[in-house]
Amino acid sequence: MSCSTNKIYISLIKTILLCLLALLFNLASAYFFGDMLHVPLFLDTIGTVVTVFYAGLVPGLIVAGFYNVLRVLLMVLMGNPAYPWDMMYALCGLVIAFCTWVFIYKNSNFRSCRLLTVLYLLLIVLVSSFASSLIGAGIETAQRIIFNNQIYSNPVTLFVQAFLGGNSGLFLACFITRIPVTVLDRLICTFAGWGLYLLLKKLSFRAKMNYA
C-alpha cells in the first residue's frame, strides 16, 4: 500500500471520527442545555459548525443530516413521545452547514485578520439565521396545520402562541418569533464552533510536531 493511499485512509478515518464526535457533541449540548437546564435555545449545531470549518461541506452536511434523526430515535428510546416530524428540522441544520461553508470556501480574506474573521462570522450568523428561520417556520406551519396546532414544545412555541393570539398569520407568526431565538442561537453556535475549530487545529498541529 502506497504512502499516498495510507494518507487517504488516515484522512478518511479522521473525518469519520470527527463526524461521530460532532454528532455526540450536538446531542449532548441539546440534551444538557435544552432538556436539563431548559435554556430557550437550540444549541445543537456547534458540532456541525466545527465540522464545516475543519473538514468541509460534505462532512458538515452529514452531521447536520443525521443529528435530528438520531435525536428523535434517542428520545423514543428514553420513553418520550415520538415526534417523527422533528426529523424535518434537519433541513435547518443542512442550510446552516451550507451557509457557513459558502463564506469560508476558498475565501482568503476570511482569515486574513481577526476583524475580518469576526465580520465574516457575524455575516454567517445573520444569513444562516434568516435561512434557518424561514425553513423552520415553513416546517412548523405545516405541522400546525396538519396536527391542528398540537405540536411538541420547543424554544419558540410560547412566542408563536402569543403572536397567534394577536391574529398574526400562521407562517408570519412562526417566522417572526423564530428570528430572535435563532439569531442568539446562531451567534453562540457559530462563535463556539469557530473557537473549537481553532482548538482542534492547535491540538492537531501539536500532534504532528510530536509525531515528527
N, C-alpha and C. Protein backbone atom coordinates (compact mmCIF):
# COMPACT_ATOMS: atom_id res chain seq x y z
N MET A 1 0.86 -1.20 0.00
CA MET A 1 0.00 0.00 0.00
C MET A 1 0.89 1.25 0.00
N SER A 2 0.64 2.16 -0.95
CA SER A 2 1.48 3.35 -1.09
C SER A 2 1.26 4.33 0.04
N CYS A 3 2.23 5.24 0.16
CA CYS A 3 2.15 6.26 1.21
C CYS A 3 0.94 7.17 1.00
N SER A 4 0.65 7.51 -0.27
CA SER A 4 -0.48 8.39 -0.57
C SER A 4 -1.81 7.72 -0.21
N THR A 5 -1.89 6.39 -0.44
CA THR A 5 -3.10 5.65 -0.10
C THR A 5 -3.31 5.62 1.41
N ASN A 6 -2.20 5.44 2.14
CA ASN A 6 -2.26 5.46 3.60
C ASN A 6 -2.78 6.80 4.11
N LYS A 7 -2.31 7.87 3.49
CA LYS A 7 -2.73 9.21 3.90
C LYS A 7 -4.23 9.41 3.66
N ILE A 8 -4.72 8.85 2.54
CA ILE A 8 -6.14 8.96 2.22
C ILE A 8 -6.98 8.23 3.27
N TYR A 9 -6.54 7.00 3.62
CA TYR A 9 -7.27 6.22 4.62
C TYR A 9 -7.25 6.91 5.99
N ILE A 10 -6.09 7.43 6.36
CA ILE A 10 -5.97 8.13 7.65
C ILE A 10 -6.86 9.36 7.68
N SER A 11 -6.87 10.11 6.58
CA SER A 11 -7.71 11.30 6.49
C SER A 11 -9.19 10.93 6.57
N LEU A 12 -9.56 9.82 5.90
CA LEU A 12 -10.95 9.37 5.93
C LEU A 12 -11.38 8.96 7.34
N ILE A 13 -10.51 8.22 8.01
CA ILE A 13 -10.80 7.78 9.38
C ILE A 13 -10.95 8.98 10.31
N LYS A 14 -10.06 9.96 10.16
CA LYS A 14 -10.13 11.17 10.98
C LYS A 14 -11.44 11.91 10.75
N THR A 15 -11.87 11.99 9.48
CA THR A 15 -13.11 12.68 9.15
C THR A 15 -14.32 11.96 9.74
N ILE A 16 -14.32 10.63 9.67
CA ILE A 16 -15.41 9.84 10.24
C ILE A 16 -15.48 10.03 11.75
N LEU A 17 -14.31 10.00 12.40
CA LEU A 17 -14.27 10.21 13.85
C LEU A 17 -14.75 11.60 14.22
N LEU A 18 -14.35 12.59 13.42
CA LEU A 18 -14.80 13.97 13.67
C LEU A 18 -16.32 14.07 13.57
N CYS A 19 -16.90 13.43 12.54
CA CYS A 19 -18.35 13.47 12.36
C CYS A 19 -19.06 12.81 13.54
N LEU A 20 -18.54 11.68 14.01
CA LEU A 20 -19.15 10.98 15.14
C LEU A 20 -19.07 11.83 16.41
N LEU A 21 -17.91 12.42 16.64
CA LEU A 21 -17.74 13.27 17.83
C LEU A 21 -18.63 14.51 17.75
N ALA A 22 -18.74 15.08 16.55
CA ALA A 22 -19.59 16.26 16.36
C ALA A 22 -21.06 15.92 16.62
N LEU A 23 -21.49 14.76 16.15
CA LEU A 23 -22.87 14.32 16.40
C LEU A 23 -23.12 14.14 17.90
N LEU A 24 -22.18 13.49 18.58
CA LEU A 24 -22.31 13.30 20.03
C LEU A 24 -22.33 14.63 20.75
N PHE A 25 -21.50 15.57 20.29
CA PHE A 25 -21.45 16.89 20.91
C PHE A 25 -22.78 17.61 20.73
N ASN A 26 -23.35 17.56 19.53
CA ASN A 26 -24.65 18.20 19.28
C ASN A 26 -25.74 17.60 20.16
N LEU A 27 -25.76 16.28 20.26
CA LEU A 27 -26.77 15.59 21.06
C LEU A 27 -26.61 15.94 22.55
N ALA A 28 -25.37 15.92 23.03
CA ALA A 28 -25.10 16.22 24.44
C ALA A 28 -25.45 17.67 24.76
N SER A 29 -25.09 18.59 23.85
CA SER A 29 -25.36 20.01 24.07
C SER A 29 -26.87 20.29 24.12
N ALA A 30 -27.60 19.71 23.17
CA ALA A 30 -29.05 19.91 23.14
C ALA A 30 -29.72 19.31 24.38
N TYR A 31 -29.25 18.15 24.79
CA TYR A 31 -29.83 17.49 25.96
C TYR A 31 -29.53 18.27 27.25
N PHE A 32 -28.27 18.70 27.39
CA PHE A 32 -27.87 19.38 28.63
C PHE A 32 -28.52 20.75 28.75
N PHE A 33 -28.41 21.56 27.72
CA PHE A 33 -28.93 22.93 27.79
C PHE A 33 -30.45 23.00 27.60
N GLY A 34 -30.97 22.17 26.69
CA GLY A 34 -32.39 22.24 26.41
C GLY A 34 -33.25 21.40 27.33
N ASP A 35 -32.91 20.12 27.43
CA ASP A 35 -33.75 19.20 28.20
C ASP A 35 -33.52 19.27 29.71
N MET A 36 -32.27 19.51 30.12
CA MET A 36 -31.96 19.54 31.55
C MET A 36 -32.07 20.95 32.14
N LEU A 37 -31.42 21.92 31.50
CA LEU A 37 -31.43 23.29 32.03
C LEU A 37 -32.59 24.12 31.49
N HIS A 38 -33.26 23.63 30.46
CA HIS A 38 -34.41 24.33 29.86
C HIS A 38 -34.04 25.72 29.34
N VAL A 39 -32.85 25.84 28.80
CA VAL A 39 -32.43 27.10 28.16
C VAL A 39 -33.26 27.25 26.87
N PRO A 40 -33.89 28.40 26.65
CA PRO A 40 -34.77 28.58 25.49
C PRO A 40 -34.01 28.81 24.18
N LEU A 41 -33.05 27.95 23.92
CA LEU A 41 -32.29 27.98 22.68
C LEU A 41 -32.10 26.55 22.19
N PHE A 42 -31.66 26.39 20.95
CA PHE A 42 -31.47 25.04 20.41
C PHE A 42 -30.08 24.49 20.77
N LEU A 43 -29.04 25.26 20.47
CA LEU A 43 -27.65 24.90 20.80
C LEU A 43 -27.29 23.49 20.36
N ASP A 44 -27.72 23.14 19.15
CA ASP A 44 -27.50 21.78 18.65
C ASP A 44 -26.72 21.73 17.33
N THR A 45 -26.02 22.84 17.02
CA THR A 45 -25.27 22.86 15.75
C THR A 45 -23.81 23.25 15.93
N ILE A 46 -23.34 23.29 17.17
CA ILE A 46 -21.93 23.64 17.39
C ILE A 46 -21.02 22.63 16.71
N GLY A 47 -21.34 21.35 16.89
CA GLY A 47 -20.54 20.30 16.25
C GLY A 47 -20.60 20.38 14.73
N THR A 48 -21.75 20.77 14.21
CA THR A 48 -21.90 20.93 12.76
C THR A 48 -20.99 22.02 12.23
N VAL A 49 -20.96 23.15 12.93
CA VAL A 49 -20.13 24.28 12.52
C VAL A 49 -18.64 23.91 12.59
N VAL A 50 -18.25 23.24 13.66
CA VAL A 50 -16.85 22.79 13.79
C VAL A 50 -16.46 21.90 12.61
N THR A 51 -17.35 20.99 12.26
CA THR A 51 -17.08 20.04 11.18
C THR A 51 -16.91 20.76 9.84
N VAL A 52 -17.76 21.74 9.57
CA VAL A 52 -17.64 22.51 8.32
C VAL A 52 -16.31 23.25 8.28
N PHE A 53 -15.95 23.91 9.38
CA PHE A 53 -14.69 24.64 9.44
C PHE A 53 -13.49 23.71 9.26
N TYR A 54 -13.56 22.55 9.87
CA TYR A 54 -12.40 21.66 9.92
C TYR A 54 -12.31 20.72 8.71
N ALA A 55 -13.46 20.21 8.26
CA ALA A 55 -13.43 19.15 7.24
C ALA A 55 -14.17 19.50 5.95
N GLY A 56 -14.91 20.59 5.93
CA GLY A 56 -15.58 20.97 4.70
C GLY A 56 -17.08 20.74 4.70
N LEU A 57 -17.68 20.95 3.53
CA LEU A 57 -19.13 20.95 3.39
C LEU A 57 -19.75 19.57 3.58
N VAL A 58 -19.25 18.56 2.87
CA VAL A 58 -19.89 17.24 2.89
C VAL A 58 -19.94 16.64 4.30
N PRO A 59 -18.83 16.61 5.05
CA PRO A 59 -18.91 16.10 6.43
C PRO A 59 -19.88 16.92 7.29
N GLY A 60 -19.90 18.24 7.08
CA GLY A 60 -20.83 19.08 7.82
C GLY A 60 -22.28 18.75 7.51
N LEU A 61 -22.58 18.48 6.24
CA LEU A 61 -23.93 18.10 5.84
C LEU A 61 -24.32 16.74 6.44
N ILE A 62 -23.34 15.84 6.52
CA ILE A 62 -23.60 14.51 7.11
C ILE A 62 -23.98 14.65 8.58
N VAL A 63 -23.22 15.46 9.31
CA VAL A 63 -23.51 15.69 10.73
C VAL A 63 -24.89 16.33 10.89
N ALA A 64 -25.15 17.36 10.09
CA ALA A 64 -26.44 18.05 10.17
C ALA A 64 -27.60 17.13 9.81
N GLY A 65 -27.41 16.30 8.79
CA GLY A 65 -28.49 15.43 8.33
C GLY A 65 -28.84 14.32 9.31
N PHE A 66 -27.85 13.79 10.00
CA PHE A 66 -28.09 12.67 10.91
C PHE A 66 -28.51 13.12 12.31
N TYR A 67 -28.22 14.37 12.69
CA TYR A 67 -28.48 14.80 14.06
C TYR A 67 -29.94 14.63 14.47
N ASN A 68 -30.85 15.20 13.70
CA ASN A 68 -32.27 15.17 14.09
C ASN A 68 -32.83 13.75 14.08
N VAL A 69 -32.36 12.94 13.14
CA VAL A 69 -32.81 11.55 13.09
C VAL A 69 -32.40 10.82 14.37
N LEU A 70 -31.13 10.98 14.75
CA LEU A 70 -30.64 10.32 15.96
C LEU A 70 -31.33 10.85 17.21
N ARG A 71 -31.59 12.15 17.25
CA ARG A 71 -32.23 12.74 18.44
C ARG A 71 -33.64 12.19 18.62
N VAL A 72 -34.39 12.08 17.54
CA VAL A 72 -35.74 11.53 17.62
C VAL A 72 -35.68 10.09 18.11
N LEU A 73 -34.78 9.30 17.56
CA LEU A 73 -34.65 7.89 17.95
C LEU A 73 -34.26 7.76 19.42
N LEU A 74 -33.33 8.60 19.86
CA LEU A 74 -32.90 8.56 21.26
C LEU A 74 -34.02 8.97 22.21
N MET A 75 -34.79 9.98 21.82
CA MET A 75 -35.90 10.42 22.67
C MET A 75 -36.94 9.31 22.82
N VAL A 76 -37.19 8.57 21.74
CA VAL A 76 -38.13 7.45 21.79
C VAL A 76 -37.58 6.35 22.69
N LEU A 77 -36.28 6.05 22.56
CA LEU A 77 -35.66 5.01 23.38
C LEU A 77 -35.69 5.38 24.86
N MET A 78 -35.70 6.69 25.15
CA MET A 78 -35.74 7.15 26.53
C MET A 78 -37.17 7.20 27.07
N GLY A 79 -38.14 6.77 26.26
CA GLY A 79 -39.51 6.69 26.72
C GLY A 79 -40.35 7.92 26.45
N ASN A 80 -39.84 8.85 25.67
CA ASN A 80 -40.59 10.07 25.34
C ASN A 80 -41.50 9.83 24.14
N PRO A 81 -42.53 10.65 23.97
CA PRO A 81 -43.42 10.51 22.80
C PRO A 81 -42.64 10.69 21.50
N ALA A 82 -43.04 9.99 20.47
CA ALA A 82 -42.36 10.08 19.18
C ALA A 82 -42.87 11.28 18.39
N TYR A 83 -41.96 12.09 17.90
CA TYR A 83 -42.30 13.22 17.03
C TYR A 83 -41.49 13.09 15.74
N PRO A 84 -41.91 12.19 14.84
CA PRO A 84 -41.13 11.96 13.61
C PRO A 84 -40.95 13.20 12.77
N TRP A 85 -41.90 14.16 12.89
CA TRP A 85 -41.76 15.40 12.11
C TRP A 85 -40.52 16.19 12.53
N ASP A 86 -40.03 15.92 13.72
CA ASP A 86 -38.84 16.63 14.19
C ASP A 86 -37.65 16.36 13.27
N MET A 87 -37.68 15.22 12.58
CA MET A 87 -36.59 14.91 11.65
C MET A 87 -36.51 15.93 10.52
N MET A 88 -37.63 16.56 10.20
CA MET A 88 -37.65 17.55 9.12
C MET A 88 -36.77 18.75 9.44
N TYR A 89 -36.55 19.00 10.74
CA TYR A 89 -35.72 20.15 11.11
C TYR A 89 -34.25 19.94 10.76
N ALA A 90 -33.93 18.74 10.28
CA ALA A 90 -32.58 18.51 9.75
C ALA A 90 -32.30 19.46 8.59
N LEU A 91 -33.37 19.91 7.91
CA LEU A 91 -33.20 20.87 6.81
C LEU A 91 -32.58 22.17 7.32
N CYS A 92 -32.94 22.57 8.54
CA CYS A 92 -32.35 23.78 9.13
C CYS A 92 -30.85 23.59 9.34
N GLY A 93 -30.48 22.41 9.85
CA GLY A 93 -29.07 22.11 10.06
C GLY A 93 -28.30 22.07 8.75
N LEU A 94 -28.93 21.52 7.71
CA LEU A 94 -28.28 21.44 6.40
C LEU A 94 -28.01 22.84 5.82
N VAL A 95 -29.00 23.73 5.95
CA VAL A 95 -28.82 25.08 5.41
C VAL A 95 -27.81 25.87 6.24
N ILE A 96 -27.73 25.59 7.54
CA ILE A 96 -26.72 26.23 8.40
C ILE A 96 -25.32 25.81 7.98
N ALA A 97 -25.15 24.51 7.72
CA ALA A 97 -23.86 24.00 7.26
C ALA A 97 -23.48 24.63 5.92
N PHE A 98 -24.46 24.73 5.02
CA PHE A 98 -24.18 25.30 3.70
C PHE A 98 -23.83 26.78 3.78
N CYS A 99 -24.60 27.53 4.57
CA CYS A 99 -24.33 28.97 4.72
C CYS A 99 -22.95 29.21 5.31
N THR A 100 -22.56 28.38 6.27
CA THR A 100 -21.23 28.51 6.87
C THR A 100 -20.14 28.25 5.83
N TRP A 101 -20.34 27.20 5.05
CA TRP A 101 -19.34 26.82 4.04
C TRP A 101 -19.20 27.87 2.95
N VAL A 102 -20.30 28.46 2.54
CA VAL A 102 -20.29 29.45 1.45
C VAL A 102 -19.33 30.59 1.74
N PHE A 103 -19.28 31.02 3.01
CA PHE A 103 -18.47 32.19 3.35
C PHE A 103 -17.01 31.86 3.65
N ILE A 104 -16.67 30.58 3.75
CA ILE A 104 -15.28 30.23 4.04
C ILE A 104 -14.59 29.51 2.90
N TYR A 105 -15.36 28.98 1.94
CA TYR A 105 -14.76 28.19 0.85
C TYR A 105 -13.92 29.07 -0.07
N LYS A 106 -12.66 28.75 -0.14
CA LYS A 106 -11.69 29.49 -0.99
C LYS A 106 -11.75 30.99 -0.75
N ASN A 107 -11.99 31.37 0.49
CA ASN A 107 -12.06 32.79 0.85
C ASN A 107 -10.83 33.15 1.66
N SER A 108 -9.83 33.69 0.98
CA SER A 108 -8.57 34.04 1.63
C SER A 108 -8.74 35.19 2.62
N ASN A 109 -9.78 36.01 2.42
CA ASN A 109 -10.00 37.14 3.31
C ASN A 109 -10.52 36.72 4.68
N PHE A 110 -11.13 35.52 4.74
CA PHE A 110 -11.78 35.09 5.97
C PHE A 110 -10.81 35.07 7.15
N ARG A 111 -9.58 34.64 6.90
CA ARG A 111 -8.61 34.52 7.99
C ARG A 111 -7.46 35.52 7.85
N SER A 112 -7.65 36.55 7.03
CA SER A 112 -6.56 37.49 6.80
C SER A 112 -6.26 38.34 8.04
N CYS A 113 -7.29 38.64 8.84
CA CYS A 113 -7.10 39.35 10.10
C CYS A 113 -8.28 39.07 11.01
N ARG A 114 -8.11 39.31 12.29
CA ARG A 114 -9.16 38.97 13.26
C ARG A 114 -10.45 39.74 13.01
N LEU A 115 -10.32 41.02 12.64
CA LEU A 115 -11.51 41.84 12.42
C LEU A 115 -12.35 41.27 11.28
N LEU A 116 -11.70 40.93 10.16
CA LEU A 116 -12.44 40.36 9.03
C LEU A 116 -13.06 39.01 9.39
N THR A 117 -12.33 38.22 10.18
CA THR A 117 -12.86 36.93 10.61
C THR A 117 -14.14 37.12 11.41
N VAL A 118 -14.11 38.06 12.35
CA VAL A 118 -15.30 38.34 13.18
C VAL A 118 -16.45 38.84 12.31
N LEU A 119 -16.15 39.72 11.36
CA LEU A 119 -17.19 40.25 10.48
C LEU A 119 -17.81 39.15 9.63
N TYR A 120 -16.97 38.26 9.12
CA TYR A 120 -17.50 37.14 8.33
C TYR A 120 -18.32 36.20 9.20
N LEU A 121 -17.88 35.97 10.42
CA LEU A 121 -18.65 35.12 11.34
C LEU A 121 -20.02 35.74 11.63
N LEU A 122 -20.05 37.05 11.80
CA LEU A 122 -21.33 37.75 12.03
C LEU A 122 -22.22 37.65 10.79
N LEU A 123 -21.61 37.71 9.62
CA LEU A 123 -22.37 37.57 8.37
C LEU A 123 -22.96 36.16 8.27
N ILE A 124 -22.17 35.16 8.65
CA ILE A 124 -22.65 33.78 8.68
C ILE A 124 -23.84 33.66 9.63
N VAL A 125 -23.72 34.31 10.79
CA VAL A 125 -24.80 34.29 11.78
C VAL A 125 -26.09 34.85 11.18
N LEU A 126 -25.99 36.01 10.55
CA LEU A 126 -27.19 36.68 10.01
C LEU A 126 -27.83 35.88 8.89
N VAL A 127 -27.01 35.43 7.93
CA VAL A 127 -27.55 34.70 6.77
C VAL A 127 -28.13 33.35 7.20
N SER A 128 -27.40 32.62 8.03
CA SER A 128 -27.88 31.30 8.46
C SER A 128 -29.12 31.44 9.36
N SER A 129 -29.18 32.53 10.13
CA SER A 129 -30.37 32.77 10.97
C SER A 129 -31.61 32.99 10.11
N PHE A 130 -31.47 33.82 9.10
CA PHE A 130 -32.61 34.10 8.22
C PHE A 130 -33.05 32.85 7.49
N ALA A 131 -32.08 32.12 6.92
CA ALA A 131 -32.41 30.93 6.13
C ALA A 131 -33.03 29.84 6.99
N SER A 132 -32.44 29.58 8.15
CA SER A 132 -32.97 28.50 9.01
C SER A 132 -34.31 28.90 9.64
N SER A 133 -34.49 30.20 9.91
CA SER A 133 -35.79 30.66 10.43
C SER A 133 -36.88 30.48 9.38
N LEU A 134 -36.55 30.76 8.14
CA LEU A 134 -37.50 30.61 7.04
C LEU A 134 -37.92 29.15 6.88
N ILE A 135 -36.94 28.26 6.89
CA ILE A 135 -37.23 26.83 6.73
C ILE A 135 -37.96 26.30 7.97
N GLY A 136 -37.48 26.68 9.15
CA GLY A 136 -38.12 26.23 10.38
C GLY A 136 -39.56 26.69 10.47
N ALA A 137 -39.81 27.92 10.03
CA ALA A 137 -41.18 28.44 10.05
C ALA A 137 -42.07 27.66 9.10
N GLY A 138 -41.53 27.30 7.95
CA GLY A 138 -42.31 26.50 6.99
C GLY A 138 -42.67 25.14 7.55
N ILE A 139 -41.70 24.51 8.22
CA ILE A 139 -41.94 23.19 8.81
C ILE A 139 -42.97 23.28 9.93
N GLU A 140 -42.81 24.29 10.81
CA GLU A 140 -43.74 24.42 11.93
C GLU A 140 -45.14 24.78 11.45
N THR A 141 -45.24 25.60 10.41
CA THR A 141 -46.55 25.94 9.85
C THR A 141 -47.26 24.69 9.35
N ALA A 142 -46.52 23.85 8.62
CA ALA A 142 -47.10 22.61 8.11
C ALA A 142 -47.52 21.70 9.27
N GLN A 143 -46.69 21.63 10.30
CA GLN A 143 -47.03 20.81 11.47
C GLN A 143 -48.33 21.28 12.12
N ARG A 144 -48.44 22.59 12.30
CA ARG A 144 -49.61 23.13 13.00
C ARG A 144 -50.89 22.94 12.17
N ILE A 145 -50.76 23.02 10.86
CA ILE A 145 -51.93 22.81 10.00
C ILE A 145 -52.35 21.34 10.03
N ILE A 146 -51.39 20.47 9.90
CA ILE A 146 -51.68 19.03 9.86
C ILE A 146 -52.19 18.51 11.20
N PHE A 147 -51.52 18.96 12.29
CA PHE A 147 -51.87 18.44 13.61
C PHE A 147 -52.75 19.40 14.42
N ASN A 148 -53.32 20.40 13.75
CA ASN A 148 -54.26 21.33 14.39
C ASN A 148 -53.65 22.02 15.61
N ASN A 149 -52.42 22.54 15.41
CA ASN A 149 -51.69 23.30 16.44
C ASN A 149 -51.22 22.46 17.63
N GLN A 150 -51.43 21.16 17.58
CA GLN A 150 -50.98 20.32 18.70
C GLN A 150 -49.59 19.77 18.37
N ILE A 151 -48.56 20.52 18.71
CA ILE A 151 -47.19 20.08 18.44
C ILE A 151 -46.42 20.11 19.75
N TYR A 152 -45.24 19.50 19.71
CA TYR A 152 -44.41 19.45 20.91
C TYR A 152 -43.84 20.82 21.23
N SER A 153 -43.43 20.98 22.46
CA SER A 153 -42.87 22.27 22.90
C SER A 153 -41.44 22.44 22.43
N ASN A 154 -41.12 23.62 21.94
CA ASN A 154 -39.75 23.95 21.55
C ASN A 154 -39.47 25.40 21.97
N PRO A 155 -38.23 25.90 21.79
CA PRO A 155 -37.90 27.23 22.30
C PRO A 155 -38.75 28.39 21.78
N VAL A 156 -39.51 28.19 20.71
CA VAL A 156 -40.30 29.31 20.17
C VAL A 156 -41.80 29.11 20.30
N THR A 157 -42.23 27.99 20.89
CA THR A 157 -43.66 27.68 20.96
C THR A 157 -44.48 28.78 21.64
N LEU A 158 -44.03 29.22 22.81
CA LEU A 158 -44.79 30.24 23.57
C LEU A 158 -44.88 31.55 22.80
N PHE A 159 -43.79 31.92 22.12
CA PHE A 159 -43.80 33.16 21.34
C PHE A 159 -44.79 33.05 20.17
N VAL A 160 -44.83 31.88 19.55
CA VAL A 160 -45.76 31.68 18.44
C VAL A 160 -47.20 31.82 18.93
N GLN A 161 -47.52 31.22 20.08
CA GLN A 161 -48.86 31.31 20.63
C GLN A 161 -49.25 32.77 20.90
N ALA A 162 -48.28 33.55 21.38
CA ALA A 162 -48.55 34.96 21.66
C ALA A 162 -48.88 35.71 20.38
N PHE A 163 -48.12 35.44 19.31
CA PHE A 163 -48.38 36.11 18.04
C PHE A 163 -49.71 35.67 17.44
N LEU A 164 -50.01 34.38 17.58
CA LEU A 164 -51.30 33.89 17.07
C LEU A 164 -52.45 34.53 17.81
N GLY A 165 -52.23 34.81 19.11
CA GLY A 165 -53.25 35.49 19.90
C GLY A 165 -53.50 36.90 19.40
N GLY A 166 -52.51 37.48 18.72
CA GLY A 166 -52.66 38.81 18.16
C GLY A 166 -53.17 38.78 16.73
N ASN A 167 -53.69 37.62 16.31
CA ASN A 167 -54.28 37.44 14.98
C ASN A 167 -53.26 37.60 13.84
N SER A 168 -51.98 37.27 14.12
CA SER A 168 -50.99 37.26 13.05
C SER A 168 -51.18 36.01 12.21
N GLY A 169 -50.77 36.08 10.94
CA GLY A 169 -50.83 34.91 10.09
C GLY A 169 -49.95 33.80 10.64
N LEU A 170 -50.31 32.55 10.39
CA LEU A 170 -49.60 31.42 10.98
C LEU A 170 -48.13 31.39 10.57
N PHE A 171 -47.86 31.46 9.26
CA PHE A 171 -46.46 31.41 8.82
C PHE A 171 -45.68 32.61 9.33
N LEU A 172 -46.31 33.80 9.27
CA LEU A 172 -45.65 35.01 9.74
C LEU A 172 -45.33 34.91 11.23
N ALA A 173 -46.25 34.36 12.01
CA ALA A 173 -46.04 34.20 13.45
C ALA A 173 -44.89 33.23 13.71
N CYS A 174 -44.88 32.13 12.97
CA CYS A 174 -43.81 31.13 13.14
C CYS A 174 -42.46 31.69 12.72
N PHE A 175 -42.46 32.54 11.67
CA PHE A 175 -41.19 33.08 11.16
C PHE A 175 -40.64 34.17 12.08
N ILE A 176 -41.46 35.15 12.41
CA ILE A 176 -41.00 36.29 13.21
C ILE A 176 -40.52 35.85 14.58
N THR A 177 -41.25 34.93 15.19
CA THR A 177 -40.89 34.52 16.54
C THR A 177 -39.62 33.69 16.58
N ARG A 178 -39.24 33.10 15.47
CA ARG A 178 -38.02 32.31 15.44
C ARG A 178 -36.78 33.19 15.33
N ILE A 179 -36.92 34.39 14.79
CA ILE A 179 -35.75 35.22 14.48
C ILE A 179 -34.90 35.55 15.70
N PRO A 180 -35.44 36.14 16.79
CA PRO A 180 -34.57 36.49 17.93
C PRO A 180 -33.93 35.26 18.57
N VAL A 181 -34.70 34.18 18.70
CA VAL A 181 -34.16 32.95 19.29
C VAL A 181 -33.06 32.39 18.39
N THR A 182 -33.32 32.36 17.09
CA THR A 182 -32.37 31.77 16.15
C THR A 182 -31.10 32.61 16.03
N VAL A 183 -31.24 33.94 16.01
CA VAL A 183 -30.05 34.80 15.91
C VAL A 183 -29.12 34.58 17.11
N LEU A 184 -29.70 34.55 18.31
CA LEU A 184 -28.88 34.33 19.51
C LEU A 184 -28.26 32.93 19.48
N ASP A 185 -29.05 31.95 19.06
CA ASP A 185 -28.56 30.59 18.95
C ASP A 185 -27.42 30.48 17.95
N ARG A 186 -27.60 31.11 16.78
CA ARG A 186 -26.56 31.07 15.75
C ARG A 186 -25.32 31.82 16.20
N LEU A 187 -25.50 32.90 16.93
CA LEU A 187 -24.37 33.68 17.43
C LEU A 187 -23.50 32.82 18.35
N ILE A 188 -24.14 32.12 19.27
CA ILE A 188 -23.41 31.27 20.21
C ILE A 188 -22.77 30.09 19.49
N CYS A 189 -23.55 29.40 18.66
CA CYS A 189 -23.06 28.19 18.00
C CYS A 189 -21.95 28.49 16.99
N THR A 190 -22.09 29.59 16.25
CA THR A 190 -21.09 29.92 15.23
C THR A 190 -19.76 30.29 15.87
N PHE A 191 -19.79 31.15 16.87
CA PHE A 191 -18.53 31.57 17.51
C PHE A 191 -17.95 30.45 18.36
N ALA A 192 -18.81 29.65 19.01
CA ALA A 192 -18.31 28.50 19.77
C ALA A 192 -17.68 27.48 18.82
N GLY A 193 -18.33 27.28 17.67
CA GLY A 193 -17.78 26.35 16.67
C GLY A 193 -16.44 26.81 16.14
N TRP A 194 -16.31 28.11 15.91
CA TRP A 194 -15.03 28.66 15.44
C TRP A 194 -13.96 28.49 16.51
N GLY A 195 -14.30 28.74 17.75
CA GLY A 195 -13.33 28.59 18.84
C GLY A 195 -12.87 27.15 18.98
N LEU A 196 -13.80 26.20 18.89
CA LEU A 196 -13.44 24.78 18.99
C LEU A 196 -12.61 24.35 17.78
N TYR A 197 -12.91 24.92 16.62
CA TYR A 197 -12.11 24.62 15.43
C TYR A 197 -10.67 25.05 15.63
N LEU A 198 -10.47 26.26 16.16
CA LEU A 198 -9.11 26.75 16.40
C LEU A 198 -8.40 25.85 17.41
N LEU A 199 -9.13 25.38 18.41
CA LEU A 199 -8.54 24.47 19.40
C LEU A 199 -8.14 23.15 18.75
N LEU A 200 -8.99 22.61 17.89
CA LEU A 200 -8.68 21.36 17.19
C LEU A 200 -7.46 21.51 16.29
N LYS A 201 -7.36 22.65 15.60
CA LYS A 201 -6.21 22.90 14.74
C LYS A 201 -4.93 22.97 15.55
N LYS A 202 -5.01 23.60 16.70
CA LYS A 202 -3.85 23.73 17.57
C LYS A 202 -3.41 22.36 18.09
N LEU A 203 -4.38 21.55 18.52
CA LEU A 203 -4.07 20.21 19.02
C LEU A 203 -3.52 19.32 17.90
N SER A 204 -4.08 19.47 16.70
CA SER A 204 -3.60 18.70 15.55
C SER A 204 -2.17 19.07 15.19
N PHE A 205 -1.87 20.37 15.25
CA PHE A 205 -0.51 20.83 14.95
C PHE A 205 0.49 20.29 15.96
N ARG A 206 0.12 20.30 17.23
CA ARG A 206 0.99 19.78 18.27
C ARG A 206 1.22 18.28 18.10
N ALA A 207 0.17 17.57 17.70
CA ALA A 207 0.30 16.12 17.48
C ALA A 207 1.26 15.82 16.33
N LYS A 208 1.18 16.62 15.28
CA LYS A 208 2.08 16.43 14.14
C LYS A 208 3.52 16.73 14.52
N MET A 209 3.71 17.76 15.33
CA MET A 209 5.06 18.12 15.76
C MET A 209 5.64 17.02 16.65
N ASN A 210 4.83 16.46 17.53
CA ASN A 210 5.31 15.37 18.40
C ASN A 210 5.60 14.13 17.59
N TYR A 211 4.77 13.85 16.57
CA TYR A 211 4.97 12.68 15.74
C TYR A 211 6.23 12.81 14.90
N ALA A 212 6.48 14.08 14.45
CA ALA A 212 7.68 14.31 13.64
C ALA A 212 8.93 14.17 14.49
